Amino acid sequence: MVSASPLAVVEAAVHEVGLDPLNVLACTPRTEDGTVLAGIIEPIPYAAGKVHCLRSRTSQPLYAAFGDNVFDLELLAASRVPVAIRPKPRLRARAAELPSLVQLHPED
């Protein structure tokens, strides 16, 4: 799971669906001696950073990716099966850049 959302939120969500939180790549706050600092550990899993974070963890092929925003475009493009779930208008506007993009509920 790669997300630009805060790590604690994504870990709680994956726990609910039975995924291992150790497989989460998300915005992780910087800490020092148990104190949360103003800053995020880089690379930040946002836009092209999602692919960078994923590649820093594994070299395995990315079989499928799911997103809803134009900021997911690079991650979707890096996968064999890109899936846009309820894509926002800006992602729909660029869908032609990914001819294999599957759009689920594009107009909802």
Protein backbone atom coordinates (compact mmCIF):
# COMPACT_ATOMS: atom_id res chain seq x y z
CA MET A 1 0.00 0.00 0.00
CA VAL A 2 1.46 3.33 -1.08
CA SER A 3 -0.35 6.45 0.05
CA ALA A 4 0.28 10.14 0.55
CA SER A 5 -1.95 9.98 3.63
CA PRO A 6 -0.45 9.94 7.15
CA LEU A 7 1.15 6.63 8.14
CA ALA A 8 -1.03 6.10 11.24
CA VAL A 9 -4.22 6.50 9.19
CA VAL A 10 -3.10 4.09 6.46
CA GLU A 11 -1.86 1.51 8.98
CA ALA A 12 -5.26 1.56 10.73
CA ALA A 13 -7.03 1.15 7.39
CA VAL A 14 -4.94 -1.80 6.20
CA HIS A 15 -5.38 -3.49 9.56
CA GLU A 16 -9.15 -3.38 8.99
CA VAL A 17 -8.81 -5.30 5.72
CA GLY A 18 -6.23 -7.78 7.00
CA LEU A 19 -3.09 -6.41 5.36
CA ASP A 20 0.23 -6.22 7.19
CA PRO A 21 1.06 -2.65 8.27
CA LEU A 22 4.72 -3.45 7.57
CA ASN A 23 3.81 -3.25 3.89
CA VAL A 24 2.62 0.36 4.15
CA LEU A 25 4.47 3.23 2.52
CA ALA A 26 2.88 6.51 3.64
CA CYS A 27 3.74 9.98 4.89
CA THR A 28 5.83 9.31 7.95
CA PRO A 29 6.55 12.13 10.39
CA ARG A 30 10.10 12.80 11.50
CA THR A 31 10.66 11.99 15.16
CA GLU A 32 13.45 12.54 17.63
CA ASP A 33 13.52 10.89 21.05
CA GLY A 34 9.79 10.19 20.84
CA THR A 35 8.89 13.75 19.80
CA VAL A 36 7.17 14.34 16.47
CA LEU A 37 9.03 17.01 14.50
CA ALA A 38 7.81 19.35 11.78
CA GLY A 39 8.69 17.36 8.69
CA ILE A 40 8.14 14.18 6.74
CA ILE A 41 10.68 11.45 6.06
CA GLU A 42 11.68 11.53 2.40
CA PRO A 43 11.01 10.37 -0.18
CA ILE A 44 7.44 11.53 0.24
CA PRO A 45 4.94 9.09 -1.31
CA TYR A 46 3.17 11.76 -3.33
CA ALA A 47 2.81 11.95 -7.12
CA ALA A 48 6.02 10.55 -8.69
CA GLY A 49 7.32 9.96 -5.16
CA LYS A 50 4.91 7.02 -4.85
CA VAL A 51 6.86 5.11 -7.50
CA HIS A 52 10.18 6.17 -5.96
CA CYS A 53 9.10 4.92 -2.51
CA LEU A 54 7.86 1.66 -3.94
CA ARG A 55 11.05 1.08 -5.94
CA SER A 56 13.15 1.76 -2.84
CA ARG A 57 11.35 -1.16 -1.18
CA THR A 58 11.19 -3.68 -4.05
CA SER A 59 12.21 -4.32 -7.61
CA GLN A 60 9.28 -6.68 -8.19
CA PRO A 61 6.96 -5.80 -11.08
CA LEU A 62 3.98 -3.66 -10.19
CA TYR A 63 1.09 -5.71 -11.50
CA ALA A 64 -1.72 -3.34 -10.60
CA ALA A 65 -2.14 0.14 -9.17
CA PHE A 66 -5.24 1.92 -8.02
CA GLY A 67 -5.81 5.64 -7.75
CA ASP A 68 -8.38 8.37 -8.02
CA ASN A 69 -6.38 11.54 -8.57
CA VAL A 70 -4.07 13.02 -11.19
CA PHE A 71 -1.32 12.76 -8.55
CA ASP A 72 -1.58 8.97 -8.95
CA LEU A 73 -0.77 9.15 -12.67
CA GLU A 74 2.90 8.13 -12.35
CA LEU A 75 2.04 5.17 -10.13
CA LEU A 76 -0.73 4.08 -12.48
CA ALA A 77 1.64 4.40 -15.46
CA ALA A 78 4.23 2.22 -13.70
CA SER A 79 1.80 -0.69 -13.35
CA ARG A 80 0.74 -3.35 -15.80
CA VAL A 81 -2.94 -2.82 -14.94
CA PRO A 82 -3.71 0.79 -13.99
CA VAL A 83 -7.12 1.20 -12.36
CA ALA A 84 -8.79 4.52 -11.65
CA ILE A 85 -11.52 4.16 -9.05
CA ARG A 86 -14.03 7.00 -9.16
CA PRO A 87 -11.39 9.16 -10.87
CA LYS A 88 -11.52 12.85 -10.19
CA PRO A 89 -11.97 15.17 -13.20
CA ARG A 90 -8.26 16.00 -13.55
CA LEU A 91 -7.35 12.31 -13.79
CA ARG A 92 -10.17 11.66 -16.27
CA ALA A 93 -8.87 14.57 -18.36
CA ARG A 94 -5.48 12.85 -18.67
CA ALA A 95 -6.77 9.29 -19.05
CA ALA A 96 -5.77 9.22 -22.72
CA GLU A 97 -2.12 9.24 -21.59
CA LEU A 98 -2.71 5.72 -20.24
CA PRO A 99 -4.52 3.76 -22.97
CA SER A 100 -4.74 0.70 -20.72
CA LEU A 101 -6.35 2.63 -17.85
CA VAL A 102 -9.41 0.90 -16.45
CA GLN A 103 -11.92 3.38 -15.05
CA LEU A 104 -14.36 2.14 -12.45
CA HIS A 105 -17.33 4.42 -11.79
CA PRO A 106 -15.83 7.31 -13.79
CA GLU A 107 -18.84 9.59 -13.51
CA ASP A 108 -19.90 8.97 -9.87
